[in-house]
C-alpha atoms as a PDB file:
ATOM      1  CA  MET A   1       9.797 -10.100 -14.634  1.00  0.00           C
ATOM      2  CA  LYS A   2       8.959  -6.672 -16.045  1.00  0.00           C
ATOM      3  CA  LYS A   3      11.369  -7.122 -18.956  1.00  0.00           C
ATOM      4  CA  LEU A   4       9.943 -10.580 -19.493  1.00  0.00           C
ATOM      5  CA  LEU A   5       6.391  -9.275 -19.728  1.00  0.00           C
ATOM      6  CA  LEU A   6       7.505  -6.544 -22.103  1.00  0.00           C
ATOM      7  CA  GLY A   7       9.141  -9.203 -24.217  1.00  0.00           C
ATOM      8  CA  LEU A   8       5.916 -11.164 -24.162  1.00  0.00           C
ATOM      9  CA  MET A   9       3.898  -8.168 -25.316  1.00  0.00           C
ATOM     10  CA  VAL A  10       6.322  -7.420 -28.152  1.00  0.00           C
ATOM     11  CA  SER A  11       7.022 -10.984 -29.230  1.00  0.00           C
ATOM     12  CA  VAL A  12       3.869 -12.988 -28.638  1.00  0.00           C
ATOM     13  CA  ALA A  13       2.559 -12.156 -32.114  1.00  0.00           C
ATOM     14  CA  LEU A  14       5.318 -14.398 -33.447  1.00  0.00           C
ATOM     15  CA  VAL A  15       3.501 -17.373 -31.964  1.00  0.00           C
ATOM     16  CA  ALA A  16       0.883 -17.040 -34.689  1.00  0.00           C
ATOM     17  CA  CYS A  17       3.462 -17.832 -37.363  1.00  0.00           C
ATOM     18  CA  ASN A  18       4.201 -21.243 -35.888  1.00  0.00           C
ATOM     19  CA  ASN A  19       0.661 -22.078 -34.865  1.00  0.00           C
ATOM     20  CA  THR A  20      -0.941 -21.634 -38.262  1.00  0.00           C
ATOM     21  CA  SER A  21      -0.031 -25.113 -39.415  1.00  0.00           C
ATOM     22  CA  ASN A  22      -1.245 -26.625 -36.119  1.00  0.00           C
ATOM     23  CA  SER A  23      -4.540 -24.810 -35.930  1.00  0.00           C
ATOM     24  CA  ALA A  24      -6.042 -24.503 -39.372  1.00  0.00           C
ATOM     25  CA  SER A  25      -9.263 -22.526 -39.565  1.00  0.00           C
ATOM     26  CA  GLY A  26      -8.851 -21.298 -35.992  1.00  0.00           C
ATOM     27  CA  ALA A  27      -9.010 -24.749 -34.396  1.00  0.00           C
ATOM     28  CA  THR A  28      -8.241 -24.971 -30.691  1.00  0.00           C
ATOM     29  CA  VAL A  29      -4.723 -26.069 -29.772  1.00  0.00           C
ATOM     30  CA  THR A  30      -3.918 -27.779 -26.495  1.00  0.00           C
ATOM     31  CA  PRO A  31      -2.572 -25.919 -23.443  1.00  0.00           C
ATOM     32  CA  ASP A  32       0.665 -27.890 -23.762  1.00  0.00           C
ATOM     33  CA  GLN A  33       1.041 -26.704 -27.354  1.00  0.00           C
ATOM     34  CA  ILE A  34       0.498 -23.096 -26.285  1.00  0.00           C
ATOM     35  CA  LYS A  35       3.093 -23.493 -23.504  1.00  0.00           C
ATOM     36  CA  ALA A  36       5.634 -24.917 -25.923  1.00  0.00           C
ATOM     37  CA  ASP A  37       5.050 -22.243 -28.555  1.00  0.00           C
ATOM     38  CA  LEU A  38       5.318 -19.385 -26.041  1.00  0.00           C
ATOM     39  CA  VAL A  39       8.596 -20.691 -24.629  1.00  0.00           C
ATOM     40  CA  LYS A  40       9.968 -21.207 -28.118  1.00  0.00           C
ATOM     41  CA  GLN A  41       9.001 -17.819 -29.520  1.00  0.00           C
ATOM     42  CA  VAL A  42       9.316 -15.344 -26.625  1.00  0.00           C
ATOM     43  CA  PRO A  43      12.865 -14.258 -25.698  1.00  0.00           C
ATOM     44  CA  GLY A  44      13.650 -14.709 -22.021  1.00  0.00           C
ATOM     45  CA  LEU A  45      10.659 -16.933 -21.332  1.00  0.00           C
ATOM     46  CA  THR A  46      11.933 -20.295 -20.094  1.00  0.00           C
ATOM     47  CA  LYS A  47       8.774 -21.641 -18.484  1.00  0.00           C
ATOM     48  CA  VAL A  48       5.014 -21.170 -18.628  1.00  0.00           C
ATOM     49  CA  ASP A  49       3.551 -22.405 -15.351  1.00  0.00           C
ATOM     50  CA  GLN A  50      -0.106 -22.793 -16.292  1.00  0.00           C
ATOM     51  CA  VAL A  51      -2.485 -22.482 -19.231  1.00  0.00           C
ATOM     52  CA  ASN A  52      -6.096 -22.589 -18.007  1.00  0.00           C
ATOM     53  CA  PRO A  53      -9.506 -22.103 -19.626  1.00  0.00           C
ATOM     54  CA  THR A  54     -11.430 -18.981 -18.619  1.00  0.00           C
ATOM     55  CA  LYS A  55     -15.141 -18.208 -18.402  1.00  0.00           C
ATOM     56  CA  ILE A  56     -14.786 -16.411 -21.726  1.00  0.00           C
ATOM     57  CA  SER A  57     -15.197 -18.719 -24.682  1.00  0.00           C
ATOM     58  CA  GLY A  58     -12.126 -18.725 -26.882  1.00  0.00           C
ATOM     59  CA  LEU A  59      -9.718 -17.414 -24.227  1.00  0.00           C
ATOM     60  CA  TYR A  60      -7.068 -19.136 -22.107  1.00  0.00           C
ATOM     61  CA  GLU A  61      -5.387 -17.761 -18.997  1.00  0.00           C
ATOM     62  CA  VAL A  62      -1.584 -17.972 -19.072  1.00  0.00           C
ATOM     63  CA  VAL A  63       0.306 -17.909 -15.755  1.00  0.00           C
ATOM     64  CA  VAL A  64       4.008 -17.020 -15.668  1.00  0.00           C
ATOM     65  CA  GLY A  65       5.207 -16.880 -12.081  1.00  0.00           C
ATOM     66  CA  ARG A  66       2.563 -14.666 -10.500  1.00  0.00           C
ATOM     67  CA  LYS A  67       1.806 -12.730 -13.679  1.00  0.00           C
ATOM     68  CA  ILE A  68      -1.203 -13.378 -15.884  1.00  0.00           C
ATOM     69  CA  PHE A  69      -2.085 -12.669 -19.494  1.00  0.00           C
ATOM     70  CA  TYR A  70      -4.467 -14.308 -21.933  1.00  0.00           C
ATOM     71  CA  VAL A  71      -4.260 -16.043 -25.308  1.00  0.00           C
ATOM     72  CA  SER A  72      -6.880 -17.154 -27.750  1.00  0.00           C
ATOM     73  CA  THR A  73      -7.603 -20.881 -27.858  1.00  0.00           C
ATOM     74  CA  ASP A  74      -5.934 -21.133 -31.257  1.00  0.00           C
ATOM     75  CA  GLY A  75      -2.784 -19.600 -29.778  1.00  0.00           C
ATOM     76  CA  LYS A  76      -2.721 -16.731 -32.294  1.00  0.00           C
ATOM     77  CA  LEU A  77      -3.669 -13.708 -30.185  1.00  0.00           C
ATOM     78  CA  ALA A  78      -2.592 -12.421 -26.782  1.00  0.00           C
ATOM     79  CA  VAL A  79      -4.478 -10.076 -24.461  1.00  0.00           C
ATOM     80  CA  PHE A  80      -2.831  -8.082 -21.650  1.00  0.00           C
ATOM     81  CA  GLY A  81      -5.054  -6.502 -19.015  1.00  0.00           C
ATOM     82  CA  ASN A  82      -7.895  -7.196 -16.603  1.00  0.00           C
ATOM     83  CA  ILE A  83     -11.026  -9.272 -16.964  1.00  0.00           C
ATOM     84  CA  VAL A  84     -13.705  -7.540 -14.870  1.00  0.00           C
ATOM     85  CA  ASP A  85     -16.946  -9.037 -13.601  1.00  0.00           C
ATOM     86  CA  LEU A  86     -19.394  -6.228 -14.345  1.00  0.00           C
ATOM     87  CA  ALA A  87     -21.975  -7.564 -11.886  1.00  0.00           C
ATOM     88  CA  THR A  88     -19.616  -7.477  -8.902  1.00  0.00           C
ATOM     89  CA  LYS A  89     -17.288  -4.758 -10.266  1.00  0.00           C
ATOM     90  CA  GLN A  90     -14.389  -7.023  -9.255  1.00  0.00           C
ATOM     91  CA  SER A  91     -11.314  -7.753 -11.358  1.00  0.00           C
ATOM     92  CA  ILE A  92     -11.131 -11.492 -11.942  1.00  0.00           C
ATOM     93  CA  THR A  93      -7.521 -11.037 -13.012  1.00  0.00           C
ATOM     94  CA  GLU A  94      -6.571  -9.290  -9.766  1.00  0.00           C
ATOM     95  CA  GLN A  95      -8.317 -11.971  -7.712  1.00  0.00           C
ATOM     96  CA  ARG A  96      -6.371 -14.681  -9.513  1.00  0.00           C
ATOM     97  CA  MET A  97      -3.101 -12.815  -9.019  1.00  0.00           C
ATOM     98  CA  GLN A  98      -3.836 -12.551  -5.297  1.00  0.00           C
ATOM     99  CA  GLU A  99      -4.430 -16.291  -5.192  1.00  0.00           C
ATOM    100  CA  LEU A 100      -1.069 -16.844  -6.870  1.00  0.00           C
ATOM    101  CA  ALA A 101       0.732 -14.332  -4.651  1.00  0.00           C
ATOM    102  CA  LYS A 102       1.116 -16.617  -1.653  1.00  0.00           C
ATOM    103  CA  VAL A 103       3.947 -18.544  -0.023  1.00  0.00           C
ATOM    104  CA  ASP A 104       4.118 -20.934   2.932  1.00  0.00           C
ATOM    105  CA  PHE A 105       5.133 -18.595   5.755  1.00  0.00           C
ATOM    106  CA  SER A 106       6.117 -21.533   7.968  1.00  0.00           C
ATOM    107  CA  LYS A 107       8.817 -22.486   5.477  1.00  0.00           C
ATOM    108  CA  LEU A 108      10.528 -19.094   5.414  1.00  0.00           C
ATOM    109  CA  PRO A 109      14.035 -19.320   6.953  1.00  0.00           C
ATOM    110  CA  LEU A 110      13.322 -16.809   9.715  1.00  0.00           C
ATOM    111  CA  ASP A 111      16.806 -17.314  11.190  1.00  0.00           C
ATOM    112  CA  LEU A 112      18.142 -15.436   8.159  1.00  0.00           C
ATOM    113  CA  ALA A 113      16.134 -12.325   9.038  1.00  0.00           C
ATOM    114  CA  ILE A 114      16.520  -9.481  11.521  1.00  0.00           C
ATOM    115  CA  LYS A 115      13.877 -10.066  14.186  1.00  0.00           C
ATOM    116  CA  GLN A 116      11.984  -7.254  15.929  1.00  0.00           C
ATOM    117  CA  VAL A 117       9.229  -7.873  18.486  1.00  0.00           C
ATOM    118  CA  ILE A 118       6.621  -5.178  19.133  1.00  0.00           C
ATOM    119  CA  GLY A 119       4.207  -5.672  22.040  1.00  0.00           C
ATOM    120  CA  ASP A 120       3.484  -9.341  22.594  1.00  0.00           C
ATOM    121  CA  GLY A 121       4.685 -10.176  19.064  1.00  0.00           C
ATOM    122  CA  SER A 122       1.734 -12.503  18.493  1.00  0.00           C
ATOM    123  CA  ARG A 123       1.204 -11.526  14.838  1.00  0.00           C
ATOM    124  CA  LYS A 124       3.984 -12.094  12.324  1.00  0.00           C
ATOM    125  CA  ILE A 125       5.111 -10.496   9.075  1.00  0.00           C
ATOM    126  CA  ALA A 126       8.183 -10.862   6.908  1.00  0.00           C
ATOM    127  CA  VAL A 127       9.502  -7.881   4.977  1.00  0.00           C
ATOM    128  CA  PHE A 128      11.939  -8.076   2.075  1.00  0.00           C
ATOM    129  CA  THR A 129      13.689  -4.765   2.330  1.00  0.00           C
ATOM    130  CA  ASP A 130      16.597  -2.756   0.950  1.00  0.00           C
ATOM    131  CA  PRO A 131      18.689  -0.599   3.317  1.00  0.00           C
ATOM    132  CA  ASP A 132      18.969   2.118   0.657  1.00  0.00           C
ATOM    133  CA  CYS A 133      15.350   2.064  -0.515  1.00  0.00           C
ATOM    134  CA  PRO A 134      13.487   5.316   0.330  1.00  0.00           C
ATOM    135  CA  TYR A 135      10.136   3.556   0.708  1.00  0.00           C
ATOM    136  CA  CYS A 136      11.714   0.967   2.993  1.00  0.00           C
ATOM    137  CA  LYS A 137      12.969   3.757   5.220  1.00  0.00           C
ATOM    138  CA  MET A 138       9.537   5.350   5.132  1.00  0.00           C
ATOM    139  CA  PHE A 139       8.060   2.011   6.200  1.00  0.00           C
ATOM    140  CA  GLU A 140      10.469   1.804   9.144  1.00  0.00           C
ATOM    141  CA  LYS A 141       9.922   5.419  10.180  1.00  0.00           C
ATOM    142  CA  GLN A 142       6.179   5.782   9.679  1.00  0.00           C
ATOM    143  CA  VAL A 143       4.600   2.328   9.721  1.00  0.00           C
ATOM    144  CA  VAL A 144       6.618   0.156  12.109  1.00  0.00           C
ATOM    145  CA  PRO A 145       6.175   2.481  15.138  1.00  0.00           C
ATOM    146  CA  GLN A 146       2.381   2.238  14.699  1.00  0.00           C
ATOM    147  CA  LEU A 147       2.113  -1.543  14.476  1.00  0.00           C
ATOM    148  CA  ASN A 148       0.586  -3.477  17.343  1.00  0.00           C
ATOM    149  CA  ASN A 149       1.685  -6.814  18.817  1.00  0.00           C
ATOM    150  CA  VAL A 150       3.700  -7.960  15.839  1.00  0.00           C
ATOM    151  CA  THR A 151       6.981  -9.732  15.187  1.00  0.00           C
ATOM    152  CA  ILE A 152       8.742  -8.351  12.116  1.00  0.00           C
ATOM    153  CA  TYR A 153      11.277 -10.462  10.243  1.00  0.00           C
ATOM    154  CA  SER A 154      13.305  -8.169   7.973  1.00  0.00           C
ATOM    155  CA  PHE A 155      15.070  -9.975   5.133  1.00  0.00           C
ATOM    156  CA  LEU A 156      17.858  -7.884   3.617  1.00  0.00           C
ATOM    157  CA  PHE A 157      17.263  -7.778  -0.133  1.00  0.00           C
ATOM    158  CA  PRO A 158      19.627  -5.190  -1.665  1.00  0.00           C
ATOM    159  CA  LEU A 159      18.644  -4.127  -5.157  1.00  0.00           C
ATOM    160  CA  PRO A 160      21.275  -3.718  -7.886  1.00  0.00           C
ATOM    161  CA  ILE A 161      19.945  -0.250  -8.719  1.00  0.00           C
ATOM    162  CA  HIS A 162      21.275   0.933  -5.339  1.00  0.00           C
ATOM    163  CA  PRO A 163      25.072   0.732  -5.683  1.00  0.00           C
ATOM    164  CA  ASN A 164      25.782   0.721  -1.933  1.00  0.00           C
ATOM    165  CA  ALA A 165      22.907  -1.516  -0.848  1.00  0.00           C
ATOM    166  CA  ALA A 166      24.832  -4.812  -0.973  1.00  0.00           C
ATOM    167  CA  SER A 167      27.712  -3.376   1.047  1.00  0.00           C
ATOM    168  CA  ASP A 168      25.345  -1.713   3.514  1.00  0.00           C
ATOM    169  CA  SER A 169      23.518  -5.014   3.975  1.00  0.00           C
ATOM    170  CA  LYS A 170      26.805  -6.705   4.850  1.00  0.00           C
ATOM    171  CA  LYS A 171      27.637  -3.953   7.343  1.00  0.00           C
ATOM    172  CA  ILE A 172      24.275  -4.434   9.042  1.00  0.00           C
ATOM    173  CA  TRP A 173      24.556  -8.219   9.041  1.00  0.00           C
ATOM    174  CA  CYS A 174      28.113  -8.117  10.453  1.00  0.00           C
ATOM    175  CA  SER A 175      27.275  -5.645  13.224  1.00  0.00           C
ATOM    176  CA  LYS A 176      27.271  -6.734  16.879  1.00  0.00           C
ATOM    177  CA  ASP A 177      23.581  -5.874  17.286  1.00  0.00           C
ATOM    178  CA  ARG A 178      21.819  -6.267  13.955  1.00  0.00           C
ATOM    179  CA  LEU A 179      18.438  -4.997  15.101  1.00  0.00           C
ATOM    180  CA  ALA A 180      19.860  -1.901  16.787  1.00  0.00           C
ATOM    181  CA  THR A 181      22.062  -1.134  13.779  1.00  0.00           C
ATOM    182  CA  TRP A 182      19.199  -1.716  11.347  1.00  0.00           C
ATOM    183  CA  SER A 183      16.731   0.435  13.255  1.00  0.00           C
ATOM    184  CA  ALA A 184      19.194   3.293  13.776  1.00  0.00           C
ATOM    185  CA  TRP A 185      20.150   3.312  10.088  1.00  0.00           C
ATOM    186  CA  MET A 186      16.612   3.104   8.726  1.00  0.00           C
ATOM    187  CA  GLN A 187      14.924   5.455  11.188  1.00  0.00           C
ATOM    188  CA  LYS A 188      17.670   7.944  12.066  1.00  0.00           C
ATOM    189  CA  ASP A 189      20.274   7.573   9.279  1.00  0.00           C
ATOM    190  CA  THR A 190      22.889   6.702  11.902  1.00  0.00           C
ATOM    191  CA  PRO A 191      26.148   5.829  10.082  1.00  0.00           C
ATOM    192  CA  LEU A 192      26.780   2.115   9.697  1.00  0.00           C
ATOM    193  CA  PRO A 193      29.804   0.304  11.144  1.00  0.00           C
ATOM    194  CA  SER A 194      32.496  -0.551   8.612  1.00  0.00           C
ATOM    195  CA  ASN A 195      32.966  -4.270   9.243  1.00  0.00           C
ATOM    196  CA  THR A 196      31.934  -6.573   6.362  1.00  0.00           C
ATOM    197  CA  SER A 197      34.269  -9.469   7.120  1.00  0.00           C
ATOM    198  CA  CYS A 198      31.771 -11.842   8.764  1.00  0.00           C
ATOM    199  CA  ASP A 199      30.067 -14.783   7.081  1.00  0.00           C
ATOM    200  CA  THR A 200      27.459 -13.180   4.801  1.00  0.00           C
ATOM    201  CA  SER A 201      26.331 -16.356   3.041  1.00  0.00           C
ATOM    202  CA  ALA A 202      22.926 -15.862   4.685  1.00  0.00           C
ATOM    203  CA  LEU A 203      22.412 -12.786   2.508  1.00  0.00           C
ATOM    204  CA  ASP A 204      22.997 -14.851  -0.629  1.00  0.00           C
ATOM    205  CA  LYS A 205      20.377 -17.331   0.564  1.00  0.00           C
ATOM    206  CA  VAL A 206      17.917 -14.490   1.160  1.00  0.00           C
ATOM    207  CA  MET A 207      18.500 -13.135  -2.339  1.00  0.00           C
ATOM    208  CA  LYS A 208      17.751 -16.562  -3.806  1.00  0.00           C
ATOM    209  CA  LEU A 209      14.667 -16.930  -1.614  1.00  0.00           C
ATOM    210  CA  GLY A 210      13.356 -13.497  -2.542  1.00  0.00           C
ATOM    211  CA  THR A 211      14.036 -14.012  -6.227  1.00  0.00           C
ATOM    212  CA  ASP A 212      12.890 -17.598  -6.732  1.00  0.00           C
ATOM    213  CA  VAL A 213      10.211 -18.157  -4.086  1.00  0.00           C
ATOM    214  CA  VAL A 214       8.724 -14.807  -3.078  1.00  0.00           C
ATOM    215  CA  GLN A 215       9.477 -13.312  -6.509  1.00  0.00           C
ATOM    216  CA  VAL A 216      10.239  -9.856  -5.157  1.00  0.00           C
ATOM    217  CA  ASP A 217       9.786  -7.203  -7.848  1.00  0.00           C
ATOM    218  CA  GLY A 218      10.511  -4.242  -5.603  1.00  0.00           C
ATOM    219  CA  THR A 219      10.983  -3.248  -2.000  1.00  0.00           C
ATOM    220  CA  PRO A 220       9.430  -3.312   0.486  1.00  0.00           C
ATOM    221  CA  THR A 221       7.565  -6.549  -0.132  1.00  0.00           C
ATOM    222  CA  ILE A 222       5.514  -7.756   2.830  1.00  0.00           C
ATOM    223  CA  VAL A 223       4.604 -11.385   3.462  1.00  0.00           C
ATOM    224  CA  LEU A 224       1.725 -11.964   5.890  1.00  0.00           C
ATOM    225  CA  GLU A 225       1.445 -14.998   8.140  1.00  0.00           C
ATOM    226  CA  ASN A 226      -1.292 -16.467   5.936  1.00  0.00           C
ATOM    227  CA  GLY A 227       1.187 -16.412   3.059  1.00  0.00           C
ATOM    228  CA  GLN A 228      -0.282 -13.425   1.225  1.00  0.00           C
ATOM    229  CA  ILE A 229       2.300 -11.225  -0.485  1.00  0.00           C
ATOM    230  CA  LEU A 230       1.794  -7.469  -0.494  1.00  0.00           C
ATOM    231  CA  PRO A 231       4.115  -5.597  -2.870  1.00  0.00           C
ATOM    232  CA  GLY A 232       4.720  -2.030  -1.747  1.00  0.00           C
ATOM    233  CA  MET A 233       4.418  -0.047   1.449  1.00  0.00           C
ATOM    234  CA  LEU A 234       1.100  -0.469   3.246  1.00  0.00           C
ATOM    235  CA  PRO A 235      -0.123   2.341   5.585  1.00  0.00           C
ATOM    236  CA  ALA A 236      -0.044   1.378   9.254  1.00  0.00           C
ATOM    237  CA  ASP A 237      -3.817   1.435   9.734  1.00  0.00           C
ATOM    238  CA  GLN A 238      -4.370  -0.872   6.775  1.00  0.00           C
ATOM    239  CA  LEU A 239      -1.596  -3.238   7.812  1.00  0.00           C
ATOM    240  CA  ASN A 240      -2.902  -3.396  11.403  1.00  0.00           C
ATOM    241  CA  ALA A 241      -6.392  -4.065  10.034  1.00  0.00           C
ATOM    242  CA  LYS A 242      -5.061  -6.800   7.786  1.00  0.00           C
ATOM    243  CA  LEU A 243      -3.255  -8.392  10.735  1.00  0.00           C
ATOM    244  CA  ASP A 244      -6.475  -8.204  12.774  1.00  0.00           C
ATOM    245  CA  GLU A 245      -8.350  -9.865   9.924  1.00  0.00           C
ATOM    246  CA  ILE A 246      -5.874 -12.737   9.745  1.00  0.00           C
ATOM    247  CA  SER A 247      -6.013 -13.256  13.503  1.00  0.00           C
ATOM    248  CA  GLY A 248      -9.825 -13.299  13.410  1.00  0.00           C
ATOM    249  CA  LYS A 249     -10.340  -9.984  15.165  1.00  0.00           C
ATOM    250  CA  ALA A 250     -11.897  -8.191  12.196  1.00  0.00           C
ATOM    251  CA  SER A 251     -13.811  -8.983   9.052  1.00  0.00           C
ATOM    252  CA  ALA A 252     -12.275  -8.890   5.604  1.00  0.00           C
ATOM    253  CA  ALA A 253     -14.478  -5.926   4.712  1.00  0.00           C
ATOM    254  CA  SER A 254     -12.810  -3.811   7.379  1.00  0.00           C
ATOM    255  CA  ALA A 255      -9.328  -4.425   6.070  1.00  0.00           C
ATOM    256  CA  PRO A 256      -8.880  -2.935   2.599  1.00  0.00           C
ATOM    257  CA  VAL A 257      -5.503  -3.532   1.011  1.00  0.00           C
ATOM    258  CA  SER A 258      -4.167  -0.923  -1.385  1.00  0.00           C
ATOM    259  CA  ALA A 259      -0.432  -0.905  -0.974  1.00  0.00           C
ATOM    260  CA  ALA A 260       1.628   1.887  -2.429  1.00  0.00           C
ATOM    261  CA  PRO A 261       3.616   0.721  -5.447  1.00  0.00           C
ATOM    262  CA  ALA A 262       6.758  -1.133  -4.467  1.00  0.00           C
ATOM    263  CA  ALA A 263       9.652   1.264  -4.571  1.00  0.00           C
ATOM    264  CA  SER A 264      12.935   0.745  -6.334  1.00  0.00           C
ATOM    265  CA  ALA A 265      11.717  -2.144  -8.469  1.00  0.00           C
ATOM    266  CA  PRO A 266      14.665  -3.957 -10.051  1.00  0.00           C
ATOM    267  CA  GLU A 267      14.873  -4.927 -13.696  1.00  0.00           C
ATOM    268  CA  ALA A 268      14.082  -8.569 -14.384  1.00  0.00           C
ATOM    269  CA  SER A 269      17.703  -9.324 -15.159  1.00  0.00           C
ATOM    270  CA  ALA A 270      18.728  -7.981 -11.786  1.00  0.00           C
ATOM    271  CA  ALA A 271      16.055  -9.737  -9.773  1.00  0.00           C
ATOM    272  CA  LYS A 272      16.342 -13.051 -11.510  1.00  0.00           C
END
């Protein structure tokens, strides 16, 4: 996705060359025309999901996956960045991206994850995680022990930038006690067993799920029970507050979300 957006920023000016004949004197072109021109002109872009009008006259919102940029209504100019409501001091762009960053938690294949129950396990989160990711280990060491009454579903999502991550994931998945092996490795660096001969097709399914549905750009990526996706490691107090908010025990104002940047973000070619 990151390479794709870079390609968009570099190449989107080419759209103007093809649009000139369709939009003489700056006439508005249709969203479908803008979609077609972007796909045709930008390398690596195979689909534009949405083209929507904005509150700013002369500007369309373009949605690619869960990323947003803007184009002029004649399709000639592109704008990358945030639209901010000066009255509320809120980023309209960030709000829209949060709306887009959701999945149906009930449809996640939880049987393909490593399950850990803390307390009564009444709250639920899914974490797409890499066994060789430093921030993932930090999450397991510093955040998990401080969570309250939560069930954690850890989906193994080894990143190509970690050469041993795929093999380590297989060793964890093939172990006799996945949770014990996972916890010991992530929290104490206990050496992994050597067996990788079991059926690991579940890991392939998780990679496809993380890539196509959750659109994981880096690890850890946390999915809350309400479907909200949080890229990066969230401090324990903020994550507990967010879980309280979802369960109705706290107000939204008491649960700020400012996750640390997702660690070990893969290149688009690796994640796609």
